[in-house]
Amino acid sequence: MASVKQRPDGVWRARYRDQNGKEHAKHFKTKREGDRWLVEQKAAIASGAWVDPAAGRVTWDDWVSRWLDMQVWADGSVTAAHTAAESVSWRQKAIRDVKPGDVQLWVTRESERGLAPSTIRTRLNYVQMAFRSAVDNQVIPRSPALRVKTPRQRKRDLTMRILTAQQVADSLEAAGDFRSFIAVCAFAGLRLGEAAGLQVGDIDVERGVISVRRQVQGTSIPTIKVIPPKAGSERDVFVPAGLVEMLTSGADGPPDRFLFRTLMGHLYNRNSAGETWRQIRKTLGYDDAVTLHTFRHTFASNLIASGCDVVTVQRALGHSQPSITLDVYSHLWPSAEDKTRSATATFMGAVLRNADSGRT
């Protein structure tokens, strides 16, 4: 039931009940203003767009805490979401009071302090998800982060380190006991955690296949967890016989025995595998930009250079969508101009050969 009544002091009081029976009221100078407000509220309730005015009083930090409790993400995604949410400038502000200008200014400040465009976009994505969830849960009527502009990714930001065949060979030569670990990154495209999670039973010798079924997550021995790969990353990677032989040489034991362990018998984690590689990198004289992930980029680059299409590369890398593969590696595929020029050159050559033959 809704009504607009004039109080003794001359102010008009409009009131209505929401879908849960709770009464809401607001005061206006004129009856027309009160009627208009009631029409808006009733329309919002009917369309499902109504939001309790009191719900938006929750602060950003409090809402993010509730939002993260709803997620079923892996620890890495939760950590990334925390980092993004804690980097904003409105943490103690009521979520309903955050304006589009606040979000745009935050993005601008992140860019000014030197964050890469890709990092800013990732953080903005988490912030947008938090606001979108607030809309879905009727905390706020609309997201203030919908039309925020991010820094353009300059061409030099798209470049990535790709190792030559000689550099990969040198890396394997200098790796010692870590040689096979590097090999599965370079010749199977595995992520660090996926390589650390390989077991004897994951190697199909007859088919020449490595099955990626788990990953080791964590940055230290106490925080190590063996969990499924990132969503959509479970896959079979078809690899050359030489890699299979390298991995199975001396790899006896039950199917659930892990292939790689440190000298102390622990599973490799992000820090221990990274530090092992850094020592190898130092002896080779490579700069800090060459990480274990560089071998995965090199693997992808080789597939693309060999003529593999985007879906083939996507499946080999374990990307959940082809669009992710294109976002990362599109600059490695021949451009439309390159294909047009090459195709036309081939056609032109055939035409001119026939013309010359006719004249002869």
Protein backbone atom coordinates (compact mmCIF):
# COMPACT_ATOMS: atom_id res chain seq x y z
CA MET A 1 0.00 0.00 0.00
CA ALA A 2 1.35 3.44 -0.88
CA SER A 3 0.20 6.93 0.00
CA VAL A 4 1.18 10.59 0.01
CA LYS A 5 -0.16 12.67 2.92
CA GLN A 6 0.51 16.19 4.08
CA ARG A 7 1.87 16.68 7.58
CA PRO A 8 0.80 19.54 9.89
CA ASP A 9 4.01 21.39 9.03
CA GLY A 10 3.05 21.40 5.35
CA VAL A 11 5.58 18.75 4.24
CA TRP A 12 4.28 15.85 2.15
CA ARG A 13 5.13 12.38 3.42
CA ALA A 14 5.24 9.57 0.83
CA ARG A 15 5.38 5.98 1.99
CA TYR A 16 5.18 2.47 0.59
CA ARG A 17 5.96 -1.11 1.54
CA ASP A 18 8.56 -3.19 -0.28
CA GLN A 19 8.16 -6.81 -1.39
CA ASN A 20 9.07 -7.96 2.12
CA GLY A 21 6.45 -5.78 3.80
CA LYS A 22 8.93 -3.26 5.19
CA GLU A 23 7.74 0.35 5.12
CA HIS A 24 9.80 3.11 3.54
CA ALA A 25 9.06 6.82 3.68
CA LYS A 26 10.43 10.07 2.31
CA HIS A 27 9.41 13.71 2.67
CA PHE A 28 8.84 16.23 -0.13
CA LYS A 29 7.88 19.87 -0.50
CA THR A 30 5.06 19.10 -2.95
CA LYS A 31 2.58 16.27 -3.48
CA ARG A 32 3.70 15.98 -7.12
CA GLU A 33 7.26 15.16 -6.06
CA GLY A 34 5.98 12.53 -3.62
CA ASP A 35 3.75 10.94 -6.27
CA ARG A 36 6.63 10.80 -8.75
CA TRP A 37 8.89 9.12 -6.20
CA LEU A 38 6.25 6.49 -5.39
CA VAL A 39 5.78 5.70 -9.08
CA GLU A 40 9.55 5.19 -9.44
CA GLN A 41 9.73 2.90 -6.40
CA LYS A 42 6.74 0.78 -7.45
CA ALA A 43 8.15 0.44 -10.97
CA ALA A 44 11.52 -0.66 -9.56
CA ILE A 45 9.85 -3.27 -7.35
CA ALA A 46 7.81 -4.59 -10.28
CA SER A 47 10.90 -4.88 -12.52
CA GLY A 48 13.13 -6.40 -9.86
CA ALA A 49 15.47 -3.39 -9.92
CA TRP A 50 14.44 -2.08 -6.50
CA VAL A 51 17.17 -1.65 -3.89
CA ASP A 52 16.72 -1.16 -0.17
CA PRO A 53 18.13 2.34 0.54
CA ALA A 54 19.69 1.07 3.76
CA ALA A 55 21.55 -1.79 2.08
CA GLY A 56 24.00 0.50 0.32
CA ARG A 57 25.27 1.91 3.60
CA VAL A 58 27.65 -1.04 3.91
CA THR A 59 31.26 -0.03 3.33
CA TRP A 60 33.26 -1.31 0.38
CA ASP A 61 35.53 -3.39 2.65
CA ASP A 62 32.55 -5.00 4.38
CA TRP A 63 30.82 -5.76 1.10
CA VAL A 64 33.98 -7.27 -0.44
CA SER A 65 34.33 -9.54 2.59
CA ARG A 66 30.75 -10.79 2.08
CA TRP A 67 31.26 -11.09 -1.67
CA LEU A 68 34.43 -13.17 -1.38
CA ASP A 69 32.69 -15.53 1.04
CA MET A 70 30.24 -16.33 -1.80
CA GLN A 71 32.99 -17.43 -4.20
CA VAL A 72 34.29 -20.94 -4.88
CA TRP A 73 37.59 -19.75 -6.30
CA ALA A 74 41.06 -21.22 -5.92
CA ASP A 75 43.33 -19.51 -3.40
CA GLY A 76 45.21 -17.68 -6.14
CA SER A 77 42.04 -16.00 -7.43
CA VAL A 78 40.98 -15.02 -3.92
CA THR A 79 44.41 -13.47 -3.29
CA ALA A 80 44.23 -11.53 -6.58
CA ALA A 81 40.72 -10.30 -5.72
CA HIS A 82 41.90 -9.17 -2.26
CA THR A 83 44.81 -7.29 -3.81
CA ALA A 84 42.51 -5.50 -6.25
CA ALA A 85 39.87 -4.66 -3.66
CA GLU A 86 42.42 -3.31 -1.19
CA SER A 87 44.05 -1.06 -3.77
CA VAL A 88 40.99 1.18 -4.26
CA SER A 89 40.64 4.63 -2.69
CA TRP A 90 37.10 4.18 -1.28
CA ARG A 91 37.58 1.26 1.12
CA GLN A 92 35.73 2.85 4.08
CA LYS A 93 33.14 4.59 1.93
CA ALA A 94 29.52 3.40 1.75
CA ILE A 95 29.25 1.39 -1.45
CA ARG A 96 26.21 3.39 -2.57
CA ASP A 97 28.29 6.58 -2.43
CA VAL A 98 31.01 5.38 -4.82
CA LYS A 99 30.68 7.29 -8.10
CA PRO A 100 32.00 6.49 -11.61
CA GLY A 101 34.46 9.35 -11.18
CA ASP A 102 35.93 7.64 -8.10
CA VAL A 103 36.59 4.45 -10.05
CA GLN A 104 38.04 6.32 -13.04
CA LEU A 105 40.33 8.37 -10.77
CA TRP A 106 41.55 5.16 -9.10
CA VAL A 107 42.41 3.65 -12.50
CA THR A 108 44.22 6.84 -13.49
CA ARG A 109 46.24 6.88 -10.25
CA GLU A 110 47.19 3.21 -10.69
CA SER A 111 48.49 4.05 -14.16
CA GLU A 112 50.41 7.11 -12.92
CA ARG A 113 52.24 5.05 -10.32
CA GLY A 114 53.56 2.75 -13.00
CA LEU A 115 51.30 -0.32 -13.01
CA ALA A 116 51.16 -2.14 -16.33
CA PRO A 117 47.93 -1.74 -18.32
CA SER A 118 47.33 -5.49 -18.12
CA THR A 119 47.62 -5.40 -14.30
CA ILE A 120 45.21 -2.47 -14.10
CA ARG A 121 42.70 -4.27 -16.30
CA THR A 122 42.92 -7.37 -14.12
CA ARG A 123 42.32 -5.36 -10.95
CA LEU A 124 39.46 -3.45 -12.54
CA ASN A 125 37.89 -6.74 -13.57
CA TYR A 126 37.72 -7.89 -9.93
CA VAL A 127 36.35 -4.50 -8.83
CA GLN A 128 33.68 -4.67 -11.53
CA MET A 129 32.73 -8.19 -10.43
CA ALA A 130 32.29 -6.99 -6.83
CA PHE A 131 30.06 -4.10 -7.92
CA ARG A 132 28.10 -6.37 -10.27
CA SER A 133 27.43 -8.78 -7.42
CA ALA A 134 26.24 -5.86 -5.27
CA VAL A 135 23.72 -5.01 -8.01
CA ASP A 136 22.60 -8.64 -8.29
CA ASN A 137 22.09 -8.80 -4.53
CA GLN A 138 20.10 -5.53 -4.49
CA VAL A 139 22.71 -3.64 -2.47
CA ILE A 140 23.07 -0.88 -5.08
CA PRO A 141 20.91 -0.09 -8.12
CA ARG A 142 23.75 0.12 -10.64
CA SER A 143 27.49 -0.37 -10.88
CA PRO A 144 29.68 2.77 -10.98
CA ALA A 145 32.42 0.79 -12.77
CA LEU A 146 30.65 0.02 -16.03
CA ARG A 147 32.19 2.59 -18.38
CA VAL A 148 35.60 3.09 -16.85
CA LYS A 149 38.41 3.56 -19.35
CA THR A 150 41.71 1.75 -18.88
CA PRO A 151 45.14 2.75 -20.22
CA ARG A 152 45.83 1.67 -23.77
CA GLN A 153 48.27 -1.18 -24.07
CA ARG A 154 51.15 0.17 -26.08
CA LYS A 155 52.90 -2.02 -28.61
CA ARG A 156 55.98 -2.44 -26.45
CA ASP A 157 53.75 -3.79 -23.66
CA LEU A 158 52.64 -6.56 -25.99
CA THR A 159 56.15 -7.86 -26.49
CA MET A 160 57.13 -10.95 -24.57
CA ARG A 161 60.38 -12.78 -24.22
CA ILE A 162 60.69 -15.74 -26.57
CA LEU A 163 63.80 -17.89 -26.30
CA THR A 164 65.76 -19.16 -29.28
CA ALA A 165 66.45 -22.85 -29.78
CA GLN A 166 70.04 -22.25 -28.67
CA GLN A 167 68.91 -20.48 -25.48
CA VAL A 168 66.58 -23.35 -24.59
CA ALA A 169 69.40 -25.82 -25.27
CA ASP A 170 71.78 -23.80 -23.08
CA SER A 171 69.16 -23.70 -20.31
CA LEU A 172 68.73 -27.47 -20.35
CA GLU A 173 72.49 -27.98 -20.39
CA ALA A 174 72.97 -25.77 -17.33
CA ALA A 175 69.95 -27.08 -15.39
CA GLY A 176 71.40 -30.28 -13.97
CA ASP A 177 68.74 -32.17 -11.99
CA PHE A 178 66.23 -29.44 -12.86
CA ARG A 179 66.53 -30.24 -16.57
CA SER A 180 63.32 -32.27 -16.90
CA PHE A 181 61.31 -29.61 -15.04
CA ILE A 182 62.39 -26.98 -17.57
CA ALA A 183 61.74 -29.42 -20.41
CA VAL A 184 58.03 -29.87 -19.58
CA CYS A 185 57.64 -26.09 -19.53
CA ALA A 186 59.46 -25.65 -22.85
CA PHE A 187 58.15 -28.69 -24.77
CA ALA A 188 54.70 -29.19 -23.20
CA GLY A 189 53.85 -25.61 -22.21
CA LEU A 190 53.08 -26.46 -18.59
CA ARG A 191 52.75 -23.75 -15.97
CA LEU A 192 55.12 -23.92 -13.01
CA GLY A 193 52.49 -25.37 -10.68
CA GLU A 194 51.36 -27.90 -13.27
CA ALA A 195 54.91 -29.12 -13.82
CA ALA A 196 55.40 -29.44 -10.05
CA GLY A 197 52.22 -31.53 -9.84
CA LEU A 198 53.16 -34.15 -12.46
CA GLN A 199 53.05 -37.78 -11.33
CA VAL A 200 54.37 -40.98 -12.87
CA GLY A 201 50.87 -42.01 -13.94
CA ASP A 202 50.42 -38.79 -15.92
CA ILE A 203 52.88 -39.93 -18.59
CA ASP A 204 51.38 -42.18 -21.28
CA VAL A 205 54.44 -43.65 -22.96
CA GLU A 206 52.60 -45.45 -25.77
CA ARG A 207 50.48 -42.49 -26.84
CA GLY A 208 53.11 -39.82 -26.18
CA VAL A 209 50.77 -37.83 -23.94
CA ILE A 210 51.18 -35.84 -20.72
CA SER A 211 47.96 -35.53 -18.73
CA VAL A 212 47.63 -32.33 -16.71
CA ARG A 213 45.36 -33.23 -13.78
CA ARG A 214 46.66 -31.21 -10.83
CA GLN A 215 48.85 -28.31 -9.80
CA VAL A 216 50.95 -27.44 -6.77
CA GLN A 217 49.89 -24.13 -5.30
CA GLY A 218 51.71 -22.13 -2.64
CA THR A 219 54.83 -20.07 -2.15
CA SER A 220 56.44 -22.00 0.72
CA ILE A 221 56.53 -25.51 2.19
CA PRO A 222 53.83 -24.80 4.85
CA THR A 223 51.45 -23.28 2.29
CA ILE A 224 51.74 -26.01 -0.37
CA LYS A 225 48.46 -27.43 -1.64
CA VAL A 226 47.91 -29.99 -4.39
CA ILE A 227 44.71 -28.95 -6.15
CA PRO A 228 43.06 -29.36 -9.56
CA PRO A 229 44.36 -27.09 -12.34
CA LYS A 230 42.78 -23.75 -13.10
CA ALA A 231 39.23 -24.06 -14.43
CA GLY A 232 39.36 -25.45 -17.94
CA SER A 233 43.07 -26.32 -17.71
CA GLU A 234 42.73 -30.09 -17.36
CA ARG A 235 44.11 -31.42 -20.62
CA ASP A 236 46.17 -33.96 -22.51
CA VAL A 237 49.27 -32.53 -24.18
CA PHE A 238 50.73 -34.47 -27.11
CA VAL A 239 54.51 -34.40 -26.78
CA PRO A 240 57.51 -35.79 -28.67
CA ALA A 241 59.02 -39.15 -27.79
CA GLY A 242 62.20 -37.45 -26.64
CA LEU A 243 60.35 -35.64 -23.85
CA VAL A 244 58.55 -38.81 -22.77
CA GLU A 245 61.89 -40.63 -22.61
CA MET A 246 63.44 -37.80 -20.59
CA LEU A 247 60.58 -37.87 -18.06
CA THR A 248 60.35 -41.64 -17.70
CA SER A 249 64.08 -42.32 -17.49
CA GLY A 250 64.55 -43.53 -13.93
CA ALA A 251 60.99 -42.53 -13.02
CA ASP A 252 59.99 -45.83 -11.48
CA GLY A 253 57.41 -46.15 -8.76
CA PRO A 254 53.64 -46.13 -8.28
CA PRO A 255 51.44 -43.95 -10.54
CA ASP A 256 50.90 -41.38 -7.78
CA ARG A 257 54.61 -40.72 -7.24
CA PHE A 258 55.52 -37.11 -8.05
CA LEU A 259 58.17 -36.66 -10.74
CA PHE A 260 59.89 -33.62 -9.25
CA ARG A 261 61.12 -32.92 -5.75
CA THR A 262 63.73 -30.64 -4.21
CA LEU A 263 66.98 -31.98 -2.73
CA MET A 264 65.21 -31.98 0.66
CA GLY A 265 62.41 -34.14 -0.72
CA HIS A 266 59.72 -31.46 -0.84
CA LEU A 267 57.45 -30.67 -3.76
CA TYR A 268 58.50 -27.63 -5.72
CA ASN A 269 56.49 -24.50 -4.99
CA ARG A 270 56.53 -21.09 -6.65
CA ASN A 271 59.42 -19.83 -4.55
CA SER A 272 61.63 -22.94 -4.58
CA ALA A 273 61.21 -23.59 -8.33
CA GLY A 274 61.70 -19.90 -9.04
CA GLU A 275 64.86 -19.72 -6.97
CA THR A 276 66.27 -22.83 -8.64
CA TRP A 277 65.70 -21.24 -12.03
CA ARG A 278 67.17 -17.91 -10.91
CA GLN A 279 70.43 -19.65 -10.01
CA ILE A 280 70.53 -21.30 -13.45
CA ARG A 281 69.64 -18.00 -15.12
CA LYS A 282 72.49 -16.27 -13.31
CA THR A 283 75.03 -18.73 -14.66
CA LEU A 284 73.68 -18.21 -18.17
CA GLY A 285 73.74 -14.43 -17.90
CA TYR A 286 70.05 -14.00 -18.77
CA ASP A 287 68.24 -10.92 -17.44
CA ASP A 288 65.43 -11.01 -14.88
CA ALA A 289 62.72 -10.93 -17.56
CA VAL A 290 63.48 -14.56 -18.45
CA THR A 291 61.37 -16.59 -16.03
CA LEU A 292 60.13 -20.18 -16.05
CA HIS A 293 56.95 -18.84 -17.67
CA THR A 294 59.10 -17.68 -20.59
CA PHE A 295 59.48 -21.35 -21.60
CA ARG A 296 55.66 -21.61 -21.82
CA HIS A 297 55.59 -18.52 -24.04
CA THR A 298 58.32 -20.09 -26.18
CA PHE A 299 56.28 -23.29 -26.49
CA ALA A 300 53.23 -21.30 -27.65
CA SER A 301 55.32 -19.27 -30.07
CA ASN A 302 56.66 -22.44 -31.67
CA LEU A 303 53.15 -23.86 -32.14
CA ILE A 304 52.01 -20.64 -33.81
CA ALA A 305 55.11 -20.42 -36.01
CA SER A 306 54.47 -24.01 -37.10
CA GLY A 307 51.01 -23.06 -38.37
CA CYS A 308 48.81 -24.26 -35.51
CA ASP A 309 45.41 -22.55 -35.29
CA VAL A 310 44.15 -20.74 -32.20
CA VAL A 311 42.00 -23.64 -30.94
CA THR A 312 44.95 -26.05 -31.12
CA VAL A 313 47.14 -23.63 -29.18
CA GLN A 314 44.34 -22.96 -26.69
CA ARG A 315 43.92 -26.65 -25.90
CA ALA A 316 47.65 -27.26 -25.60
CA LEU A 317 48.05 -24.35 -23.17
CA GLY A 318 44.93 -25.15 -21.16
CA HIS A 319 43.20 -21.81 -21.69
CA SER A 320 39.48 -22.01 -20.92
CA GLN A 321 38.56 -19.89 -23.97
CA PRO A 322 40.23 -19.16 -27.35
CA SER A 323 39.79 -15.46 -26.57
CA ILE A 324 42.31 -15.80 -23.73
CA THR A 325 44.86 -17.28 -26.11
CA LEU A 326 44.28 -14.45 -28.57
CA ASP A 327 44.57 -11.82 -25.83
CA VAL A 328 48.03 -13.11 -24.94
CA TYR A 329 49.44 -14.32 -28.26
CA SER A 330 47.51 -12.64 -31.10
CA HIS A 331 50.57 -10.56 -32.03
CA LEU A 332 52.48 -13.76 -32.84
CA TRP A 333 50.08 -14.89 -35.56
CA PRO A 334 50.67 -13.56 -39.08
CA SER A 335 48.57 -10.46 -39.69
CA ALA A 336 45.87 -10.25 -42.34
CA GLU A 337 48.23 -8.07 -44.36
CA ASP A 338 50.94 -10.74 -44.23
CA LYS A 339 48.52 -13.46 -45.33
CA THR A 340 47.09 -11.29 -48.13
CA ARG A 341 50.54 -10.41 -49.44
CA SER A 342 51.76 -14.01 -49.27
CA ALA A 343 48.65 -15.46 -50.93
CA THR A 344 48.68 -12.86 -53.69
CA ALA A 345 52.40 -13.37 -54.30
CA THR A 346 51.81 -17.10 -54.76
CA PHE A 347 48.90 -16.46 -57.13
CA MET A 348 50.83 -13.79 -59.04
CA GLY A 349 53.79 -16.14 -59.45
CA ALA A 350 51.54 -18.85 -60.92
CA VAL A 351 49.89 -16.36 -63.30
CA LEU A 352 53.19 -14.95 -64.54
CA ARG A 353 54.65 -18.43 -65.04
CA ASN A 354 51.69 -19.37 -67.21
CA ALA A 355 51.96 -16.09 -69.13
CA ASP A 356 55.66 -16.62 -69.77
CA SER A 357 54.99 -20.20 -70.84
CA GLY A 358 52.34 -18.99 -73.33
CA ARG A 359 54.67 -16.44 -74.86
CA THR A 360 57.39 -19.06 -75.23
